[in-house]
């Protein structure tokens, strides 16, 4: 069972030695150390697991797809030339880990990291929108780590486990824009209002809007075993038109 928030950051570092040199030389020199797959702040003794990997030929296409058209072409060009990749690992609790995510994201950016992809939901960002979203409103924080996806029968969200909450799904009988709006409003409602819900309850965007009956079930699209970072241990809410 892999309950982590994982950030993928491609960079220009030729090898582990060069990356370590960048870490040690980062001002103020000697504050940060990297050893045993752990990046440590020697001033605060805070640390975060950091995995260093070779360049990946699939990285540009991965960021292009996960960026949903929002990662600039010039950033994709830089990713195409990346020489290695680092992965930062955090406990799966964005509200609690937010300051650490911001701190170490900024550190890797300033060391040459090109962009960031949230491996635990499959969403990529250029640096400026990443920091803007994470320091913005509750809905912007939500947007930073949530993707909306489709399978044969449903539209569904992925990433609510970053907030300790279930994801949602709706029938593909709904128009795409309506389905996306419904899921975004419902998910944000879960995040902000923290309601107590049960199977059989109903939900509507507002008083005059259509009602949807809620059914809670386990996340069966993803598996808890292995490296499936998308698996949501809090399950999924299905919204069916009443």
C-alpha atoms as a PDB file:
ATOM      1  CA  UNK A   1       0.000   0.000   0.000  1.00  0.00           C
ATOM      2  CA  UNK A   2       1.610   3.229  -1.191  1.00  0.00           C
ATOM      3  CA  UNK A   3       0.128   6.277   0.571  1.00  0.00           C
ATOM      4  CA  UNK A   4       2.396   9.065  -0.593  1.00  0.00           C
ATOM      5  CA  UNK A   5       2.286  12.344  -2.448  1.00  0.00           C
ATOM      6  CA  UNK A   6       5.094  12.117  -4.988  1.00  0.00           C
ATOM      7  CA  UNK A   7       6.465  15.000  -7.067  1.00  0.00           C
ATOM      8  CA  UNK A   8       8.419  14.354 -10.262  1.00  0.00           C
ATOM      9  CA  UNK A   9      10.941  17.062 -11.203  1.00  0.00           C
ATOM     10  CA  UNK A  10      13.132  16.667 -14.307  1.00  0.00           C
ATOM     11  CA  UNK A  11      16.373  18.621 -14.253  1.00  0.00           C
ATOM     12  CA  UNK A  12      19.749  19.377 -15.879  1.00  0.00           C
ATOM     13  CA  UNK A  13      21.922  17.382 -13.464  1.00  0.00           C
ATOM     14  CA  UNK A  14      24.237  15.016 -15.355  1.00  0.00           C
ATOM     15  CA  UNK A  15      24.589  12.502 -12.534  1.00  0.00           C
ATOM     16  CA  UNK A  16      24.330  12.022  -8.780  1.00  0.00           C
ATOM     17  CA  UNK A  17      27.668  13.723  -8.184  1.00  0.00           C
ATOM     18  CA  UNK A  18      26.571  16.895  -9.973  1.00  0.00           C
ATOM     19  CA  UNK A  19      23.248  16.891  -8.159  1.00  0.00           C
ATOM     20  CA  UNK A  20      24.989  16.520  -4.796  1.00  0.00           C
ATOM     21  CA  UNK A  21      27.300  19.410  -5.688  1.00  0.00           C
ATOM     22  CA  UNK A  22      24.266  21.574  -6.463  1.00  0.00           C
ATOM     23  CA  UNK A  23      22.720  20.663  -3.115  1.00  0.00           C
ATOM     24  CA  UNK A  24      25.844  21.424  -1.086  1.00  0.00           C
ATOM     25  CA  UNK A  25      26.610  24.649  -2.977  1.00  0.00           C
ATOM     26  CA  UNK A  26      23.095  26.018  -2.625  1.00  0.00           C
ATOM     27  CA  UNK A  27      23.211  29.239  -0.612  1.00  0.00           C
ATOM     28  CA  UNK A  28      23.777  29.345   2.281  1.00  0.00           C
ATOM     29  CA  UNK A  29      26.363  26.672   1.484  1.00  0.00           C
ATOM     30  CA  UNK A  30      26.135  23.541   3.550  1.00  0.00           C
ATOM     31  CA  UNK A  31      22.599  24.103   4.763  1.00  0.00           C
ATOM     32  CA  UNK A  32      21.229  21.218   2.702  1.00  0.00           C
ATOM     33  CA  UNK A  33      22.655  17.715   2.451  1.00  0.00           C
ATOM     34  CA  UNK A  34      21.621  14.726   0.361  1.00  0.00           C
ATOM     35  CA  UNK A  35      22.616  11.270   1.536  1.00  0.00           C
ATOM     36  CA  UNK A  36      20.937   7.900   1.679  1.00  0.00           C
ATOM     37  CA  UNK A  37      18.081   9.097  -0.554  1.00  0.00           C
ATOM     38  CA  UNK A  38      17.179  11.793   1.994  1.00  0.00           C
ATOM     39  CA  UNK A  39      17.389  15.554   1.446  1.00  0.00           C
ATOM     40  CA  UNK A  40      18.050  17.209   4.808  1.00  0.00           C
ATOM     41  CA  UNK A  41      17.881  20.790   6.040  1.00  0.00           C
ATOM     42  CA  UNK A  42      20.775  20.923   8.510  1.00  0.00           C
ATOM     43  CA  UNK A  43      19.400  24.055  10.176  1.00  0.00           C
ATOM     44  CA  UNK A  44      15.990  22.617  11.071  1.00  0.00           C
ATOM     45  CA  UNK A  45      16.907  18.899  10.833  1.00  0.00           C
ATOM     46  CA  UNK A  46      13.863  18.527   8.610  1.00  0.00           C
ATOM     47  CA  UNK A  47      14.191  15.945   5.864  1.00  0.00           C
ATOM     48  CA  UNK A  48      12.326  14.592   2.860  1.00  0.00           C
ATOM     49  CA  UNK A  49      12.946  11.401   0.875  1.00  0.00           C
ATOM     50  CA  UNK A  50      14.457  12.236  -2.524  1.00  0.00           C
ATOM     51  CA  UNK A  51      14.992   9.649  -5.240  1.00  0.00           C
ATOM     52  CA  UNK A  52      17.448  10.435  -8.061  1.00  0.00           C
ATOM     53  CA  UNK A  53      16.887   8.702 -11.424  1.00  0.00           C
ATOM     54  CA  UNK A  54      18.323   8.760 -14.922  1.00  0.00           C
ATOM     55  CA  UNK A  55      16.655  10.702 -17.730  1.00  0.00           C
ATOM     56  CA  UNK A  56      13.435   9.182 -19.070  1.00  0.00           C
ATOM     57  CA  UNK A  57      12.680   9.326 -22.806  1.00  0.00           C
ATOM     58  CA  UNK A  58       8.934   9.392 -22.020  1.00  0.00           C
ATOM     59  CA  UNK A  59       9.171  12.469 -19.813  1.00  0.00           C
ATOM     60  CA  UNK A  60       8.252  15.136 -22.378  1.00  0.00           C
ATOM     61  CA  UNK A  61       5.137  13.314 -23.545  1.00  0.00           C
ATOM     62  CA  UNK A  62       4.200  12.599 -19.934  1.00  0.00           C
ATOM     63  CA  UNK A  63       4.331  16.301 -19.038  1.00  0.00           C
ATOM     64  CA  UNK A  64       2.505  17.245 -22.227  1.00  0.00           C
ATOM     65  CA  UNK A  65      -0.401  14.914 -21.424  1.00  0.00           C
ATOM     66  CA  UNK A  66      -0.455  15.602 -17.680  1.00  0.00           C
ATOM     67  CA  UNK A  67      -0.211  19.346 -18.302  1.00  0.00           C
ATOM     68  CA  UNK A  68      -3.471  19.272 -20.277  1.00  0.00           C
ATOM     69  CA  UNK A  69      -2.152  21.854 -22.714  1.00  0.00           C
ATOM     70  CA  UNK A  70      -1.027  24.275 -20.003  1.00  0.00           C
ATOM     71  CA  UNK A  71       2.687  23.490 -19.850  1.00  0.00           C
ATOM     72  CA  UNK A  72       4.342  25.985 -22.251  1.00  0.00           C
ATOM     73  CA  UNK A  73       6.138  24.736 -25.352  1.00  0.00           C
ATOM     74  CA  UNK A  74       9.418  26.240 -24.166  1.00  0.00           C
ATOM     75  CA  UNK A  75       9.162  24.275 -20.913  1.00  0.00           C
ATOM     76  CA  UNK A  76       8.470  21.076 -22.843  1.00  0.00           C
ATOM     77  CA  UNK A  77      11.542  21.820 -24.966  1.00  0.00           C
ATOM     78  CA  UNK A  78      13.640  22.089 -21.798  1.00  0.00           C
ATOM     79  CA  UNK A  79      12.156  18.851 -20.470  1.00  0.00           C
ATOM     80  CA  UNK A  80      13.130  17.175 -23.748  1.00  0.00           C
ATOM     81  CA  UNK A  81      16.750  18.029 -22.895  1.00  0.00           C
ATOM     82  CA  UNK A  82      16.589  16.924 -19.244  1.00  0.00           C
ATOM     83  CA  UNK A  83      19.462  14.774 -18.002  1.00  0.00           C
ATOM     84  CA  UNK A  84      17.949  13.287 -14.864  1.00  0.00           C
ATOM     85  CA  UNK A  85      14.827  13.212 -12.701  1.00  0.00           C
ATOM     86  CA  UNK A  86      14.250  13.563  -8.974  1.00  0.00           C
ATOM     87  CA  UNK A  87      11.224  12.395  -7.030  1.00  0.00           C
ATOM     88  CA  UNK A  88      10.221  14.040  -3.759  1.00  0.00           C
ATOM     89  CA  UNK A  89       8.122  11.921  -1.392  1.00  0.00           C
ATOM     90  CA  UNK A  90       5.698  13.374   1.160  1.00  0.00           C
ATOM     91  CA  UNK A  91       3.039  11.862   3.430  1.00  0.00           C
ATOM     92  CA  UNK A  92      -0.344  11.828   1.690  1.00  0.00           C
ATOM     93  CA  UNK A  93      -1.757  14.869   3.495  1.00  0.00           C
ATOM     94  CA  UNK A  94      -1.429  18.083   1.494  1.00  0.00           C
ATOM     95  CA  UNK A  95      -2.980  20.433   4.098  1.00  0.00           C
ATOM     96  CA  UNK A  96      -0.498  19.222   6.711  1.00  0.00           C
ATOM     97  CA  UNK A  97       2.452  19.013   4.302  1.00  0.00           C
ATOM     98  CA  UNK A  98       1.767  22.202   2.336  1.00  0.00           C
ATOM     99  CA  UNK A  99       4.633  24.275   3.741  1.00  0.00           C
ATOM    100  CA  UNK A 100       7.103  21.432   3.189  1.00  0.00           C
ATOM    101  CA  UNK A 101       5.831  20.882  -0.360  1.00  0.00           C
ATOM    102  CA  UNK A 102       6.301  24.588  -1.088  1.00  0.00           C
ATOM    103  CA  UNK A 103       9.731  24.704   0.539  1.00  0.00           C
ATOM    104  CA  UNK A 104      11.242  21.714  -1.230  1.00  0.00           C
ATOM    105  CA  UNK A 105       9.552  22.468  -4.553  1.00  0.00           C
ATOM    106  CA  UNK A 106      11.155  25.921  -4.453  1.00  0.00           C
ATOM    107  CA  UNK A 107      14.509  24.428  -3.509  1.00  0.00           C
ATOM    108  CA  UNK A 108      14.473  22.044  -6.487  1.00  0.00           C
ATOM    109  CA  UNK A 109      13.301  24.826  -8.804  1.00  0.00           C
ATOM    110  CA  UNK A 110      16.154  27.062  -7.674  1.00  0.00           C
ATOM    111  CA  UNK A 111      18.606  24.200  -8.202  1.00  0.00           C
ATOM    112  CA  UNK A 112      17.559  23.915 -11.841  1.00  0.00           C
ATOM    113  CA  UNK A 113      14.407  21.785 -11.765  1.00  0.00           C
ATOM    114  CA  UNK A 114      12.407  22.415 -14.931  1.00  0.00           C
ATOM    115  CA  UNK A 115       8.785  21.775 -13.915  1.00  0.00           C
ATOM    116  CA  UNK A 116       6.740  19.554 -11.603  1.00  0.00           C
ATOM    117  CA  UNK A 117       4.337  16.661 -12.048  1.00  0.00           C
ATOM    118  CA  UNK A 118       2.229  15.275  -9.220  1.00  0.00           C
ATOM    119  CA  UNK A 119       2.725  11.543  -9.703  1.00  0.00           C
ATOM    120  CA  UNK A 120      -0.056  10.764  -7.229  1.00  0.00           C
ATOM    121  CA  UNK A 121      -2.717  12.290  -9.505  1.00  0.00           C
ATOM    122  CA  UNK A 122      -1.050  12.670 -12.901  1.00  0.00           C
ATOM    123  CA  UNK A 123      -1.112  16.457 -13.204  1.00  0.00           C
ATOM    124  CA  UNK A 124       1.810  18.600 -14.398  1.00  0.00           C
ATOM    125  CA  UNK A 125       2.558  22.291 -13.906  1.00  0.00           C
ATOM    126  CA  UNK A 126       5.046  24.924 -14.916  1.00  0.00           C
ATOM    127  CA  UNK A 127       6.601  26.470 -11.807  1.00  0.00           C
ATOM    128  CA  UNK A 128       4.711  29.760 -11.693  1.00  0.00           C
ATOM    129  CA  UNK A 129       1.191  28.259 -11.720  1.00  0.00           C
ATOM    130  CA  UNK A 130       2.278  25.532  -9.292  1.00  0.00           C
ATOM    131  CA  UNK A 131       3.232  28.030  -6.606  1.00  0.00           C
ATOM    132  CA  UNK A 132       0.324  30.331  -7.440  1.00  0.00           C
ATOM    133  CA  UNK A 133      -2.191  27.513  -6.998  1.00  0.00           C
ATOM    134  CA  UNK A 134      -0.678  26.166  -3.778  1.00  0.00           C
ATOM    135  CA  UNK A 135      -0.643  29.616  -2.169  1.00  0.00           C
ATOM    136  CA  UNK A 136      -4.084  30.575  -3.461  1.00  0.00           C
ATOM    137  CA  UNK A 137      -7.661  29.827  -2.462  1.00  0.00           C
ATOM    138  CA  UNK A 138      -8.970  26.459  -1.328  1.00  0.00           C
ATOM    139  CA  UNK A 139     -10.250  25.811  -4.856  1.00  0.00           C
ATOM    140  CA  UNK A 140      -6.859  26.684  -6.338  1.00  0.00           C
ATOM    141  CA  UNK A 141      -5.135  24.249  -3.977  1.00  0.00           C
ATOM    142  CA  UNK A 142      -7.717  21.669  -5.038  1.00  0.00           C
ATOM    143  CA  UNK A 143      -6.976  22.394  -8.704  1.00  0.00           C
ATOM    144  CA  UNK A 144      -3.246  21.873  -8.166  1.00  0.00           C
ATOM    145  CA  UNK A 145      -3.615  18.186  -7.318  1.00  0.00           C
ATOM    146  CA  UNK A 146      -6.882  17.008  -8.904  1.00  0.00           C
ATOM    147  CA  UNK A 147      -7.410  15.624 -12.385  1.00  0.00           C
ATOM    148  CA  UNK A 148     -10.717  14.799 -14.067  1.00  0.00           C
ATOM    149  CA  UNK A 149     -10.617  11.660 -16.178  1.00  0.00           C
ATOM    150  CA  UNK A 150     -13.003   9.418 -18.128  1.00  0.00           C
ATOM    151  CA  UNK A 151     -13.445   5.702 -18.643  1.00  0.00           C
ATOM    152  CA  UNK A 152     -16.058   3.885 -20.731  1.00  0.00           C
ATOM    153  CA  UNK A 153     -18.969   4.714 -18.423  1.00  0.00           C
ATOM    154  CA  UNK A 154     -17.993   7.547 -16.088  1.00  0.00           C
ATOM    155  CA  UNK A 155     -16.178  10.811 -15.652  1.00  0.00           C
ATOM    156  CA  UNK A 156     -14.229  10.691 -12.396  1.00  0.00           C
ATOM    157  CA  UNK A 157     -11.772  12.666 -10.324  1.00  0.00           C
ATOM    158  CA  UNK A 158      -8.346  11.566  -9.159  1.00  0.00           C
ATOM    159  CA  UNK A 159      -6.408  13.196  -6.334  1.00  0.00           C
ATOM    160  CA  UNK A 160      -8.846  13.803  -3.484  1.00  0.00           C
ATOM    161  CA  UNK A 161      -6.786  11.422  -1.360  1.00  0.00           C
ATOM    162  CA  UNK A 162      -4.313  14.323  -1.009  1.00  0.00           C
ATOM    163  CA  UNK A 163      -6.961  15.861   1.286  1.00  0.00           C
ATOM    164  CA  UNK A 164      -8.009  12.636   3.009  1.00  0.00           C
ATOM    165  CA  UNK A 165     -11.305  12.561   1.086  1.00  0.00           C
ATOM    166  CA  UNK A 166     -13.090  10.321  -1.437  1.00  0.00           C
ATOM    167  CA  UNK A 167     -13.031  11.075  -5.137  1.00  0.00           C
ATOM    168  CA  UNK A 168     -16.229  11.407  -7.175  1.00  0.00           C
ATOM    169  CA  UNK A 169     -17.676  10.022 -10.392  1.00  0.00           C
ATOM    170  CA  UNK A 170     -20.679  10.781 -12.611  1.00  0.00           C
ATOM    171  CA  UNK A 171     -22.222   9.119 -15.638  1.00  0.00           C
ATOM    172  CA  UNK A 172     -20.878   9.913 -19.088  1.00  0.00           C
ATOM    173  CA  UNK A 173     -24.488  10.546 -20.071  1.00  0.00           C
ATOM    174  CA  UNK A 174     -23.864  14.064 -18.751  1.00  0.00           C
ATOM    175  CA  UNK A 175     -22.265  16.599 -21.111  1.00  0.00           C
ATOM    176  CA  UNK A 176     -18.552  16.912 -20.372  1.00  0.00           C
ATOM    177  CA  UNK A 177     -18.684  20.504 -19.136  1.00  0.00           C
ATOM    178  CA  UNK A 178     -21.663  19.760 -16.872  1.00  0.00           C
ATOM    179  CA  UNK A 179     -19.951  16.681 -15.462  1.00  0.00           C
ATOM    180  CA  UNK A 180     -16.719  18.565 -14.762  1.00  0.00           C
ATOM    181  CA  UNK A 181     -18.571  21.412 -13.069  1.00  0.00           C
ATOM    182  CA  UNK A 182     -20.615  19.019 -10.937  1.00  0.00           C
ATOM    183  CA  UNK A 183     -17.570  17.072  -9.759  1.00  0.00           C
ATOM    184  CA  UNK A 184     -15.554  20.205  -9.052  1.00  0.00           C
ATOM    185  CA  UNK A 185     -18.369  21.770  -7.022  1.00  0.00           C
ATOM    186  CA  UNK A 186     -19.054  18.535  -5.131  1.00  0.00           C
ATOM    187  CA  UNK A 187     -15.381  17.839  -4.400  1.00  0.00           C
ATOM    188  CA  UNK A 188     -14.802  21.403  -3.228  1.00  0.00           C
ATOM    189  CA  UNK A 189     -17.900  21.093  -1.030  1.00  0.00           C
ATOM    190  CA  UNK A 190     -16.332  18.023   0.598  1.00  0.00           C
ATOM    191  CA  UNK A 191     -13.079  19.903   1.119  1.00  0.00           C
ATOM    192  CA  UNK A 192     -14.460  23.149   2.545  1.00  0.00           C
ATOM    193  CA  UNK A 193     -17.692  22.176   4.299  1.00  0.00           C
ATOM    194  CA  UNK A 194     -16.545  18.772   5.619  1.00  0.00           C
ATOM    195  CA  UNK A 195     -20.110  17.395   5.494  1.00  0.00           C
ATOM    196  CA  UNK A 196     -21.225  14.122   7.035  1.00  0.00           C
ATOM    197  CA  UNK A 197     -22.605  12.156   4.093  1.00  0.00           C
ATOM    198  CA  UNK A 198     -23.990   8.678   3.603  1.00  0.00           C
ATOM    199  CA  UNK A 199     -25.214   6.527   0.758  1.00  0.00           C
ATOM    200  CA  UNK A 200     -28.710   7.652  -0.189  1.00  0.00           C
ATOM    201  CA  UNK A 201     -28.172  11.330   0.543  1.00  0.00           C
ATOM    202  CA  UNK A 202     -28.662  13.740  -2.344  1.00  0.00           C
ATOM    203  CA  UNK A 203     -26.635  16.679  -3.619  1.00  0.00           C
ATOM    204  CA  UNK A 204     -27.320  19.602  -5.924  1.00  0.00           C
ATOM    205  CA  UNK A 205     -25.143  22.506  -6.986  1.00  0.00           C
ATOM    206  CA  UNK A 206     -27.809  24.945  -5.797  1.00  0.00           C
ATOM    207  CA  UNK A 207     -31.468  24.958  -4.754  1.00  0.00           C
ATOM    208  CA  UNK A 208     -32.825  24.934  -8.289  1.00  0.00           C
ATOM    209  CA  UNK A 209     -30.295  22.525  -9.783  1.00  0.00           C
ATOM    210  CA  UNK A 210     -30.830  18.821 -10.547  1.00  0.00           C
ATOM    211  CA  UNK A 211     -30.342  16.465  -7.596  1.00  0.00           C
ATOM    212  CA  UNK A 212     -27.942  13.540  -7.549  1.00  0.00           C
ATOM    213  CA  UNK A 213     -28.158  10.537  -5.248  1.00  0.00           C
ATOM    214  CA  UNK A 214     -24.911   9.594  -3.531  1.00  0.00           C
ATOM    215  CA  UNK A 215     -23.474   6.094  -3.326  1.00  0.00           C
ATOM    216  CA  UNK A 216     -20.146   5.448  -1.636  1.00  0.00           C
ATOM    217  CA  UNK A 217     -17.965   2.580  -2.841  1.00  0.00           C
ATOM    218  CA  UNK A 218     -14.347   1.483  -2.779  1.00  0.00           C
ATOM    219  CA  UNK A 219     -11.888   2.705  -5.387  1.00  0.00           C
ATOM    220  CA  UNK A 220     -11.817  -0.243  -7.777  1.00  0.00           C
ATOM    221  CA  UNK A 221     -10.115   1.551 -10.676  1.00  0.00           C
ATOM    222  CA  UNK A 222      -6.806   1.515  -8.877  1.00  0.00           C
ATOM    223  CA  UNK A 223      -5.165  -1.044  -6.627  1.00  0.00           C
ATOM    224  CA  UNK A 224      -3.627  -0.588  -3.165  1.00  0.00           C
ATOM    225  CA  UNK A 225      -0.763  -2.960  -3.932  1.00  0.00           C
ATOM    226  CA  UNK A 226       2.456  -1.996  -5.663  1.00  0.00           C
ATOM    227  CA  UNK A 227       3.164   1.467  -6.999  1.00  0.00           C
ATOM    228  CA  UNK A 228      -0.361   2.653  -7.845  1.00  0.00           C
ATOM    229  CA  UNK A 229      -0.213   6.161  -6.403  1.00  0.00           C
ATOM    230  CA  UNK A 230      -3.696   6.948  -7.759  1.00  0.00           C
ATOM    231  CA  UNK A 231      -5.472   4.543  -5.394  1.00  0.00           C
ATOM    232  CA  UNK A 232      -7.789   6.376  -3.014  1.00  0.00           C
ATOM    233  CA  UNK A 233      -8.149   4.592   0.352  1.00  0.00           C
ATOM    234  CA  UNK A 234     -11.134   6.842   1.161  1.00  0.00           C
ATOM    235  CA  UNK A 235     -13.157   5.486  -1.748  1.00  0.00           C
ATOM    236  CA  UNK A 236     -15.369   7.189  -4.317  1.00  0.00           C
ATOM    237  CA  UNK A 237     -18.736   8.960  -4.260  1.00  0.00           C
ATOM    238  CA  UNK A 238     -20.936   8.135  -7.257  1.00  0.00           C
ATOM    239  CA  UNK A 239     -23.491  10.810  -8.139  1.00  0.00           C
ATOM    240  CA  UNK A 240     -26.537   9.450 -10.002  1.00  0.00           C
ATOM    241  CA  UNK A 241     -29.280  11.692 -11.340  1.00  0.00           C
ATOM    242  CA  UNK A 242     -32.466  11.406  -9.277  1.00  0.00           C
END
